[in-house]
Amino acid sequence: MPHPLLPLVKAQINLDHDLDDALLEHKIATAEAWCATFLGVHEIPAPVLTEAVLQLAAYWYAEREAVTSGPMGMIPFGVHDLLRPYAEVVTGHVSI
């Protein structure tokens, strides 16, 4: 059964064939795991998580290699902006 976000990711990157579906499903699963790990939580409003996963999966689909001949960016700022309000902040300070 295809991942429920697969059609949205394909629309995000303007892809109209099925040849890369397995690769895209892997990118989606990895993006979901990255978002959950980044936040340290698993309760994220569905539209926010969906948009972050779409952006991240599309970015990873376009930038498939760890090394490129041109400049390589970090994770898209939009992903951080979407997820930051839900991130668990750990400061190391313990109040008694």
PDB file of N, CA and C in Angstrom:
ATOM      1  N   MET A   1       0.843  -1.180   0.000  1.00  0.00           N
ATOM      2  CA  MET A   1       0.000   0.000   0.000  1.00  0.00           C
ATOM      3  C   MET A   1       0.893   1.250   0.000  1.00  0.00           C
ATOM      4  N   PRO A   2       0.665   2.162  -0.927  1.00  0.00           N
ATOM      5  CA  PRO A   2       1.495   3.370  -0.994  1.00  0.00           C
ATOM      6  C   PRO A   2       1.312   4.263   0.234  1.00  0.00           C
ATOM      7  N   HIS A   3       2.358   4.993   0.551  1.00  0.00           N
ATOM      8  CA  HIS A   3       2.297   5.943   1.662  1.00  0.00           C
ATOM      9  C   HIS A   3       1.246   7.001   1.329  1.00  0.00           C
ATOM     10  N   PRO A   4       0.432   7.416   2.318  1.00  0.00           N
ATOM     11  CA  PRO A   4      -0.621   8.400   2.045  1.00  0.00           C
ATOM     12  C   PRO A   4      -0.094   9.744   1.517  1.00  0.00           C
ATOM     13  N   LEU A   5       1.146  10.090   1.826  1.00  0.00           N
ATOM     14  CA  LEU A   5       1.692  11.366   1.353  1.00  0.00           C
ATOM     15  C   LEU A   5       2.315  11.276  -0.040  1.00  0.00           C
ATOM     16  N   LEU A   6       2.410  10.082  -0.598  1.00  0.00           N
ATOM     17  CA  LEU A   6       3.066   9.924  -1.897  1.00  0.00           C
ATOM     18  C   LEU A   6       2.459  10.822  -2.974  1.00  0.00           C
ATOM     19  N   PRO A   7       1.141  10.872  -3.139  1.00  0.00           N
ATOM     20  CA  PRO A   7       0.590  11.763  -4.171  1.00  0.00           C
ATOM     21  C   PRO A   7       0.929  13.237  -3.929  1.00  0.00           C
ATOM     22  N   LEU A   8       0.952  13.654  -2.673  1.00  0.00           N
ATOM     23  CA  LEU A   8       1.286  15.047  -2.371  1.00  0.00           C
ATOM     24  C   LEU A   8       2.749  15.351  -2.675  1.00  0.00           C
ATOM     25  N   VAL A   9       3.638  14.430  -2.331  1.00  0.00           N
ATOM     26  CA  VAL A   9       5.057  14.642  -2.624  1.00  0.00           C
ATOM     27  C   VAL A   9       5.267  14.698  -4.139  1.00  0.00           C
ATOM     28  N   LYS A  10       4.609  13.818  -4.872  1.00  0.00           N
ATOM     29  CA  LYS A  10       4.747  13.832  -6.327  1.00  0.00           C
ATOM     30  C   LYS A  10       4.227  15.144  -6.912  1.00  0.00           C
ATOM     31  N   ALA A  11       3.161  15.675  -6.350  1.00  0.00           N
ATOM     32  CA  ALA A  11       2.659  16.980  -6.795  1.00  0.00           C
ATOM     33  C   ALA A  11       3.643  18.085  -6.421  1.00  0.00           C
ATOM     34  N   GLN A  12       4.245  17.985  -5.242  1.00  0.00           N
ATOM     35  CA  GLN A  12       5.209  18.985  -4.766  1.00  0.00           C
ATOM     36  C   GLN A  12       6.400  19.109  -5.720  1.00  0.00           C
ATOM     37  N   ILE A  13       6.834  17.985  -6.274  1.00  0.00           N
ATOM     38  CA  ILE A  13       8.013  18.008  -7.154  1.00  0.00           C
ATOM     39  C   ILE A  13       7.636  17.891  -8.637  1.00  0.00           C
ATOM     40  N   ASN A  14       6.346  17.997  -8.946  1.00  0.00           N
ATOM     41  CA  ASN A  14       5.861  17.936 -10.331  1.00  0.00           C
ATOM     42  C   ASN A  14       6.301  16.656 -11.040  1.00  0.00           C
ATOM     43  N   LEU A  15       6.074  15.532 -10.394  1.00  0.00           N
ATOM     44  CA  LEU A  15       6.450  14.235 -10.949  1.00  0.00           C
ATOM     45  C   LEU A  15       5.181  13.503 -11.368  1.00  0.00           C
ATOM     46  N   ASP A  16       5.124  13.074 -12.625  1.00  0.00           N
ATOM     47  CA  ASP A  16       3.898  12.435 -13.104  1.00  0.00           C
ATOM     48  C   ASP A  16       4.099  10.987 -13.559  1.00  0.00           C
ATOM     49  N   HIS A  17       5.158  10.345 -13.090  1.00  0.00           N
ATOM     50  CA  HIS A  17       5.358   8.927 -13.401  1.00  0.00           C
ATOM     51  C   HIS A  17       5.563   8.154 -12.096  1.00  0.00           C
ATOM     52  N   ASP A  18       5.525   6.827 -12.206  1.00  0.00           N
ATOM     53  CA  ASP A  18       5.621   5.966 -11.023  1.00  0.00           C
ATOM     54  C   ASP A  18       6.999   5.323 -10.856  1.00  0.00           C
ATOM     55  N   LEU A  19       7.950   5.668 -11.690  1.00  0.00           N
ATOM     56  CA  LEU A  19       9.251   5.003 -11.665  1.00  0.00           C
ATOM     57  C   LEU A  19      10.012   5.218 -10.361  1.00  0.00           C
ATOM     58  N   ASP A  20       9.804   6.349  -9.707  1.00  0.00           N
ATOM     59  CA  ASP A  20      10.543   6.669  -8.485  1.00  0.00           C
ATOM     60  C   ASP A  20       9.707   6.520  -7.215  1.00  0.00           C
ATOM     61  N   ASP A  21       8.575   5.838  -7.299  1.00  0.00           N
ATOM     62  CA  ASP A  21       7.696   5.725  -6.130  1.00  0.00           C
ATOM     63  C   ASP A  21       8.387   5.091  -4.925  1.00  0.00           C
ATOM     64  N   ALA A  22       9.145   4.029  -5.135  1.00  0.00           N
ATOM     65  CA  ALA A  22       9.822   3.373  -4.005  1.00  0.00           C
ATOM     66  C   ALA A  22      10.835   4.319  -3.365  1.00  0.00           C
ATOM     67  N   LEU A  23      11.576   5.041  -4.186  1.00  0.00           N
ATOM     68  CA  LEU A  23      12.540   6.012  -3.668  1.00  0.00           C
ATOM     69  C   LEU A  23      11.827   7.117  -2.898  1.00  0.00           C
ATOM     70  N   LEU A  24      10.737   7.618  -3.446  1.00  0.00           N
ATOM     71  CA  LEU A  24       9.984   8.676  -2.772  1.00  0.00           C
ATOM     72  C   LEU A  24       9.397   8.192  -1.448  1.00  0.00           C
ATOM     73  N   GLU A  25       8.912   6.965  -1.405  1.00  0.00           N
ATOM     74  CA  GLU A  25       8.371   6.439  -0.148  1.00  0.00           C
ATOM     75  C   GLU A  25       9.468   6.362   0.908  1.00  0.00           C
ATOM     76  N   HIS A  26      10.664   5.998   0.502  1.00  0.00           N
ATOM     77  CA  HIS A  26      11.792   5.986   1.432  1.00  0.00           C
ATOM     78  C   HIS A  26      12.097   7.405   1.909  1.00  0.00           C
ATOM     79  N   LYS A  27      12.102   8.372   0.996  1.00  0.00           N
ATOM     80  CA  LYS A  27      12.366   9.766   1.369  1.00  0.00           C
ATOM     81  C   LYS A  27      11.297  10.277   2.332  1.00  0.00           C
ATOM     82  N   ILE A  28      10.050   9.909   2.115  1.00  0.00           N
ATOM     83  CA  ILE A  28       8.954  10.337   2.998  1.00  0.00           C
ATOM     84  C   ILE A  28       9.151   9.757   4.393  1.00  0.00           C
ATOM     85  N   ALA A  29       9.414   8.462   4.474  1.00  0.00           N
ATOM     86  CA  ALA A  29       9.604   7.817   5.780  1.00  0.00           C
ATOM     87  C   ALA A  29      10.790   8.423   6.518  1.00  0.00           C
ATOM     88  N   THR A  30      11.866   8.689   5.789  1.00  0.00           N
ATOM     89  CA  THR A  30      13.045   9.291   6.406  1.00  0.00           C
ATOM     90  C   THR A  30      12.752  10.706   6.869  1.00  0.00           C
ATOM     91  N   ALA A  31      12.018  11.464   6.078  1.00  0.00           N
ATOM     92  CA  ALA A  31      11.657  12.835   6.457  1.00  0.00           C
ATOM     93  C   ALA A  31      10.770  12.841   7.702  1.00  0.00           C
ATOM     94  N   GLU A  32       9.828  11.909   7.790  1.00  0.00           N
ATOM     95  CA  GLU A  32       8.981  11.813   8.987  1.00  0.00           C
ATOM     96  C   GLU A  32       9.827  11.505  10.218  1.00  0.00           C
ATOM     97  N   ALA A  33      10.745  10.563  10.076  1.00  0.00           N
ATOM     98  CA  ALA A  33      11.608  10.210  11.208  1.00  0.00           C
ATOM     99  C   ALA A  33      12.500  11.384  11.595  1.00  0.00           C
ATOM    100  N   TRP A  34      13.035  12.105  10.614  1.00  0.00           N
ATOM    101  CA  TRP A  34      13.890  13.260  10.903  1.00  0.00           C
ATOM    102  C   TRP A  34      13.106  14.323  11.657  1.00  0.00           C
ATOM    103  N   CYS A  35      11.877  14.600  11.214  1.00  0.00           N
ATOM    104  CA  CYS A  35      11.048  15.617  11.878  1.00  0.00           C
ATOM    105  C   CYS A  35      10.763  15.227  13.323  1.00  0.00           C
ATOM    106  N   ALA A  36      10.411  13.976  13.559  1.00  0.00           N
ATOM    107  CA  ALA A  36      10.121  13.523  14.927  1.00  0.00           C
ATOM    108  C   ALA A  36      11.366  13.598  15.801  1.00  0.00           C
ATOM    109  N   THR A  37      12.514  13.213  15.252  1.00  0.00           N
ATOM    110  CA  THR A  37      13.760  13.270  16.018  1.00  0.00           C
ATOM    111  C   THR A  37      14.164  14.710  16.303  1.00  0.00           C
ATOM    112  N   PHE A  38      14.020  15.580  15.322  1.00  0.00           N
ATOM    113  CA  PHE A  38      14.349  16.993  15.494  1.00  0.00           C
ATOM    114  C   PHE A  38      13.536  17.602  16.624  1.00  0.00           C
ATOM    115  N   LEU A  39      12.274  17.223  16.694  1.00  0.00           N
ATOM    116  CA  LEU A  39      11.385  17.795  17.699  1.00  0.00           C
ATOM    117  C   LEU A  39      11.498  17.126  19.052  1.00  0.00           C
ATOM    118  N   GLY A  40      11.840  15.860  19.079  1.00  0.00           N
ATOM    119  CA  GLY A  40      11.854  15.140  20.339  1.00  0.00           C
ATOM    120  C   GLY A  40      10.454  14.811  20.821  1.00  0.00           C
ATOM    121  N   VAL A  41       9.480  15.004  19.961  1.00  0.00           N
ATOM    122  CA  VAL A  41       8.082  14.704  20.288  1.00  0.00           C
ATOM    123  C   VAL A  41       7.456  14.011  19.084  1.00  0.00           C
ATOM    124  N   HIS A  42       6.299  13.443  19.299  1.00  0.00           N
ATOM    125  CA  HIS A  42       5.614  12.773  18.205  1.00  0.00           C
ATOM    126  C   HIS A  42       4.216  13.326  17.969  1.00  0.00           C
ATOM    127  N   GLU A  43       3.822  14.336  18.729  1.00  0.00           N
ATOM    128  CA  GLU A  43       2.502  14.933  18.552  1.00  0.00           C
ATOM    129  C   GLU A  43       2.647  16.272  17.836  1.00  0.00           C
ATOM    130  N   ILE A  44       2.540  16.261  16.530  1.00  0.00           N
ATOM    131  CA  ILE A  44       2.650  17.459  15.716  1.00  0.00           C
ATOM    132  C   ILE A  44       1.340  17.583  14.943  1.00  0.00           C
ATOM    133  N   PRO A  45       0.764  18.784  14.862  1.00  0.00           N
ATOM    134  CA  PRO A  45      -0.461  18.926  14.061  1.00  0.00           C
ATOM    135  C   PRO A  45      -0.238  18.412  12.639  1.00  0.00           C
ATOM    136  N   ALA A  46      -1.169  17.623  12.153  1.00  0.00           N
ATOM    137  CA  ALA A  46      -1.009  16.951  10.863  1.00  0.00           C
ATOM    138  C   ALA A  46      -0.640  17.885   9.709  1.00  0.00           C
ATOM    139  N   PRO A  47      -1.295  19.047   9.538  1.00  0.00           N
ATOM    140  CA  PRO A  47      -0.917  19.899   8.406  1.00  0.00           C
ATOM    141  C   PRO A  47       0.523  20.413   8.495  1.00  0.00           C
ATOM    142  N   VAL A  48       0.983  20.710   9.696  1.00  0.00           N
ATOM    143  CA  VAL A  48       2.353  21.196   9.878  1.00  0.00           C
ATOM    144  C   VAL A  48       3.347  20.090   9.545  1.00  0.00           C
ATOM    145  N   LEU A  49       3.114  18.903  10.080  1.00  0.00           N
ATOM    146  CA  LEU A  49       4.005  17.778   9.803  1.00  0.00           C
ATOM    147  C   LEU A  49       3.989  17.437   8.319  1.00  0.00           C
ATOM    148  N   THR A  50       2.808  17.438   7.720  1.00  0.00           N
ATOM    149  CA  THR A  50       2.698  17.122   6.297  1.00  0.00           C
ATOM    150  C   THR A  50       3.523  18.088   5.460  1.00  0.00           C
ATOM    151  N   GLU A  51       3.406  19.382   5.730  1.00  0.00           N
ATOM    152  CA  GLU A  51       4.160  20.369   4.948  1.00  0.00           C
ATOM    153  C   GLU A  51       5.662  20.220   5.157  1.00  0.00           C
ATOM    154  N   ALA A  52       6.080  19.993   6.394  1.00  0.00           N
ATOM    155  CA  ALA A  52       7.511  19.807   6.671  1.00  0.00           C
ATOM    156  C   ALA A  52       8.038  18.568   5.948  1.00  0.00           C
ATOM    157  N   VAL A  53       7.282  17.485   5.983  1.00  0.00           N
ATOM    158  CA  VAL A  53       7.693  16.247   5.307  1.00  0.00           C
ATOM    159  C   VAL A  53       7.724  16.454   3.794  1.00  0.00           C
ATOM    160  N   LEU A  54       6.737  17.161   3.239  1.00  0.00           N
ATOM    161  CA  LEU A  54       6.732  17.433   1.801  1.00  0.00           C
ATOM    162  C   LEU A  54       7.982  18.204   1.385  1.00  0.00           C
ATOM    163  N   GLN A  55       8.306  19.254   2.135  1.00  0.00           N
ATOM    164  CA  GLN A  55       9.475  20.062   1.794  1.00  0.00           C
ATOM    165  C   GLN A  55      10.766  19.257   1.913  1.00  0.00           C
ATOM    166  N   LEU A  56      10.872  18.492   2.987  1.00  0.00           N
ATOM    167  CA  LEU A  56      12.093  17.728   3.225  1.00  0.00           C
ATOM    168  C   LEU A  56      12.253  16.592   2.216  1.00  0.00           C
ATOM    169  N   ALA A  57      11.177  15.866   1.937  1.00  0.00           N
ATOM    170  CA  ALA A  57      11.249  14.766   0.969  1.00  0.00           C
ATOM    171  C   ALA A  57      11.572  15.305  -0.426  1.00  0.00           C
ATOM    172  N   ALA A  58      10.974  16.431  -0.804  1.00  0.00           N
ATOM    173  CA  ALA A  58      11.254  17.030  -2.111  1.00  0.00           C
ATOM    174  C   ALA A  58      12.709  17.485  -2.194  1.00  0.00           C
ATOM    175  N   TYR A  59      13.214  18.066  -1.114  1.00  0.00           N
ATOM    176  CA  TYR A  59      14.610  18.510  -1.079  1.00  0.00           C
ATOM    177  C   TYR A  59      15.549  17.319  -1.230  1.00  0.00           C
ATOM    178  N   TRP A  60      15.290  16.253  -0.466  1.00  0.00           N
ATOM    179  CA  TRP A  60      16.154  15.077  -0.539  1.00  0.00           C
ATOM    180  C   TRP A  60      16.043  14.374  -1.887  1.00  0.00           C
ATOM    181  N   TYR A  61      14.876  14.454  -2.527  1.00  0.00           N
ATOM    182  CA  TYR A  61      14.720  13.865  -3.859  1.00  0.00           C
ATOM    183  C   TYR A  61      15.580  14.633  -4.867  1.00  0.00           C
ATOM    184  N   ALA A  62      15.576  15.953  -4.763  1.00  0.00           N
ATOM    185  CA  ALA A  62      16.342  16.787  -5.693  1.00  0.00           C
ATOM    186  C   ALA A  62      17.847  16.703  -5.418  1.00  0.00           C
ATOM    187  N   GLU A  63      18.222  16.609  -4.151  1.00  0.00           N
ATOM    188  CA  GLU A  63      19.636  16.567  -3.747  1.00  0.00           C
ATOM    189  C   GLU A  63      19.952  15.163  -3.234  1.00  0.00           C
ATOM    190  N   ARG A  64      20.132  14.221  -4.126  1.00  0.00           N
ATOM    191  CA  ARG A  64      20.275  12.817  -3.738  1.00  0.00           C
ATOM    192  C   ARG A  64      21.648  12.440  -3.219  1.00  0.00           C
ATOM    193  N   GLU A  65      22.641  13.213  -3.528  1.00  0.00           N
ATOM    194  CA  GLU A  65      24.005  12.870  -3.137  1.00  0.00           C
ATOM    195  C   GLU A  65      24.471  13.737  -1.980  1.00  0.00           C
ATOM    196  N   ALA A  66      25.387  13.212  -1.185  1.00  0.00           N
ATOM    197  CA  ALA A  66      25.939  13.978  -0.067  1.00  0.00           C
ATOM    198  C   ALA A  66      26.930  15.022  -0.558  1.00  0.00           C
ATOM    199  N   VAL A  67      27.502  14.803  -1.730  1.00  0.00           N
ATOM    200  CA  VAL A  67      28.487  15.721  -2.296  1.00  0.00           C
ATOM    201  C   VAL A  67      28.030  16.100  -3.697  1.00  0.00           C
ATOM    202  N   THR A  68      28.086  17.397  -4.003  1.00  0.00           N
ATOM    203  CA  THR A  68      27.728  17.863  -5.337  1.00  0.00           C
ATOM    204  C   THR A  68      28.838  18.756  -5.863  1.00  0.00           C
ATOM    205  N   SER A  69      28.799  19.040  -7.157  1.00  0.00           N
ATOM    206  CA  SER A  69      29.803  19.928  -7.739  1.00  0.00           C
ATOM    207  C   SER A  69      29.507  21.385  -7.422  1.00  0.00           C
ATOM    208  N   GLY A  70      28.257  21.699  -7.127  1.00  0.00           N
ATOM    209  CA  GLY A  70      27.872  23.064  -6.789  1.00  0.00           C
ATOM    210  C   GLY A  70      27.642  23.203  -5.297  1.00  0.00           C
ATOM    211  N   PRO A  71      27.162  24.372  -4.882  1.00  0.00           N
ATOM    212  CA  PRO A  71      26.913  24.571  -3.447  1.00  0.00           C
ATOM    213  C   PRO A  71      25.761  23.699  -2.953  1.00  0.00           C
ATOM    214  N   MET A  72      25.921  23.128  -1.784  1.00  0.00           N
ATOM    215  CA  MET A  72      24.901  22.265  -1.181  1.00  0.00           C
ATOM    216  C   MET A  72      24.394  22.959   0.065  1.00  0.00           C
ATOM    217  N   GLY A  73      23.106  23.094   0.163  1.00  0.00           N
ATOM    218  CA  GLY A  73      22.536  23.779   1.311  1.00  0.00           C
ATOM    219  C   GLY A  73      22.236  22.845   2.457  1.00  0.00           C
ATOM    220  N   MET A  74      21.860  23.441   3.552  1.00  0.00           N
ATOM    221  CA  MET A  74      21.428  22.668   4.712  1.00  0.00           C
ATOM    222  C   MET A  74      19.950  22.337   4.523  1.00  0.00           C
ATOM    223  N   ILE A  75      19.366  21.729   5.539  1.00  0.00           N
ATOM    224  CA  ILE A  75      17.934  21.445   5.502  1.00  0.00           C
ATOM    225  C   ILE A  75      17.210  22.759   5.221  1.00  0.00           C
ATOM    226  N   PRO A  76      16.202  22.755   4.348  1.00  0.00           N
ATOM    227  CA  PRO A  76      15.507  23.999   4.017  1.00  0.00           C
ATOM    228  C   PRO A  76      15.005  24.725   5.267  1.00  0.00           C
ATOM    229  N   PHE A  77      15.202  26.050   5.287  1.00  0.00           N
ATOM    230  CA  PHE A  77      14.791  26.842   6.439  1.00  0.00           C
ATOM    231  C   PHE A  77      13.307  26.678   6.747  1.00  0.00           C
ATOM    232  N   GLY A  78      12.484  26.500   5.724  1.00  0.00           N
ATOM    233  CA  GLY A  78      11.051  26.351   5.936  1.00  0.00           C
ATOM    234  C   GLY A  78      10.713  25.178   6.843  1.00  0.00           C
ATOM    235  N   VAL A  79      11.480  24.103   6.745  1.00  0.00           N
ATOM    236  CA  VAL A  79      11.245  22.932   7.593  1.00  0.00           C
ATOM    237  C   VAL A  79      11.489  23.296   9.054  1.00  0.00           C
ATOM    238  N   HIS A  80      12.606  23.973   9.316  1.00  0.00           N
ATOM    239  CA  HIS A  80      12.895  24.407  10.686  1.00  0.00           C
ATOM    240  C   HIS A  80      11.818  25.370  11.182  1.00  0.00           C
ATOM    241  N   ASP A  81      11.416  26.311  10.340  1.00  0.00           N
ATOM    242  CA  ASP A  81      10.408  27.293  10.732  1.00  0.00           C
ATOM    243  C   ASP A  81       9.077  26.632  11.068  1.00  0.00           C
ATOM    244  N   LEU A  82       8.712  25.611  10.322  1.00  0.00           N
ATOM    245  CA  LEU A  82       7.455  24.911  10.585  1.00  0.00           C
ATOM    246  C   LEU A  82       7.497  24.124  11.891  1.00  0.00           C
ATOM    247  N   LEU A  83       8.632  23.498  12.181  1.00  0.00           N
ATOM    248  CA  LEU A  83       8.714  22.580  13.316  1.00  0.00           C
ATOM    249  C   LEU A  83       9.155  23.222  14.627  1.00  0.00           C
ATOM    250  N   ARG A  84       9.888  24.327  14.553  1.00  0.00           N
ATOM    251  CA  ARG A  84      10.452  24.926  15.766  1.00  0.00           C
ATOM    252  C   ARG A  84       9.424  25.190  16.874  1.00  0.00           C
ATOM    253  N   PRO A  85       8.215  25.679  16.576  1.00  0.00           N
ATOM    254  CA  PRO A  85       7.265  25.925  17.670  1.00  0.00           C
ATOM    255  C   PRO A  85       6.881  24.671  18.458  1.00  0.00           C
ATOM    256  N   TYR A  86       7.085  23.499  17.864  1.00  0.00           N
ATOM    257  CA  TYR A  86       6.700  22.250  18.519  1.00  0.00           C
ATOM    258  C   TYR A  86       7.891  21.511  19.120  1.00  0.00           C
ATOM    259  N   ALA A  87       9.085  22.052  18.952  1.00  0.00           N
ATOM    260  CA  ALA A  87      10.291  21.379  19.436  1.00  0.00           C
ATOM    261  C   ALA A  87      10.381  21.456  20.953  1.00  0.00           C
ATOM    262  N   GLU A  88      10.853  20.382  21.535  1.00  0.00           N
ATOM    263  CA  GLU A  88      11.090  20.337  22.973  1.00  0.00           C
ATOM    264  C   GLU A  88      12.432  21.010  23.231  1.00  0.00           C
ATOM    265  N   VAL A  89      12.414  22.047  24.052  1.00  0.00           N
ATOM    266  CA  VAL A  89      13.635  22.799  24.332  1.00  0.00           C
ATOM    267  C   VAL A  89      14.286  22.242  25.589  1.00  0.00           C
ATOM    268  N   VAL A  90      15.541  21.851  25.465  1.00  0.00           N
ATOM    269  CA  VAL A  90      16.299  21.327  26.598  1.00  0.00           C
ATOM    270  C   VAL A  90      17.454  22.282  26.851  1.00  0.00           C
ATOM    271  N   THR A  91      17.470  22.892  28.037  1.00  0.00           N
ATOM    272  CA  THR A  91      18.502  23.882  28.335  1.00  0.00           C
ATOM    273  C   THR A  91      19.572  23.355  29.270  1.00  0.00           C
ATOM    274  N   GLY A  92      19.322  22.271  29.944  1.00  0.00           N
ATOM    275  CA  GLY A  92      20.267  21.749  30.921  1.00  0.00           C
ATOM    276  C   GLY A  92      20.035  22.324  32.304  1.00  0.00           C
ATOM    277  N   HIS A  93      19.162  23.320  32.403  1.00  0.00           N
ATOM    278  CA  HIS A  93      18.851  23.931  33.693  1.00  0.00           C
ATOM    279  C   HIS A  93      17.801  23.084  34.409  1.00  0.00           C
ATOM    280  N   VAL A  94      18.049  22.781  35.653  1.00  0.00           N
ATOM    281  CA  VAL A  94      17.102  22.008  36.452  1.00  0.00           C
ATOM    282  C   VAL A  94      16.655  22.877  37.617  1.00  0.00           C
ATOM    283  N   SER A  95      15.358  23.112  37.699  1.00  0.00           N
ATOM    284  CA  SER A  95      14.865  23.894  38.839  1.00  0.00           C
ATOM    285  C   SER A  95      14.429  22.943  39.939  1.00  0.00           C
ATOM    286  N   ILE A  96      14.665  23.347  41.160  1.00  0.00           N
ATOM    287  CA  ILE A  96      14.352  22.487  42.310  1.00  0.00           C
ATOM    288  C   ILE A  96      13.126  23.002  43.014  1.00  0.00           C
TER     289      ILE A  96
END
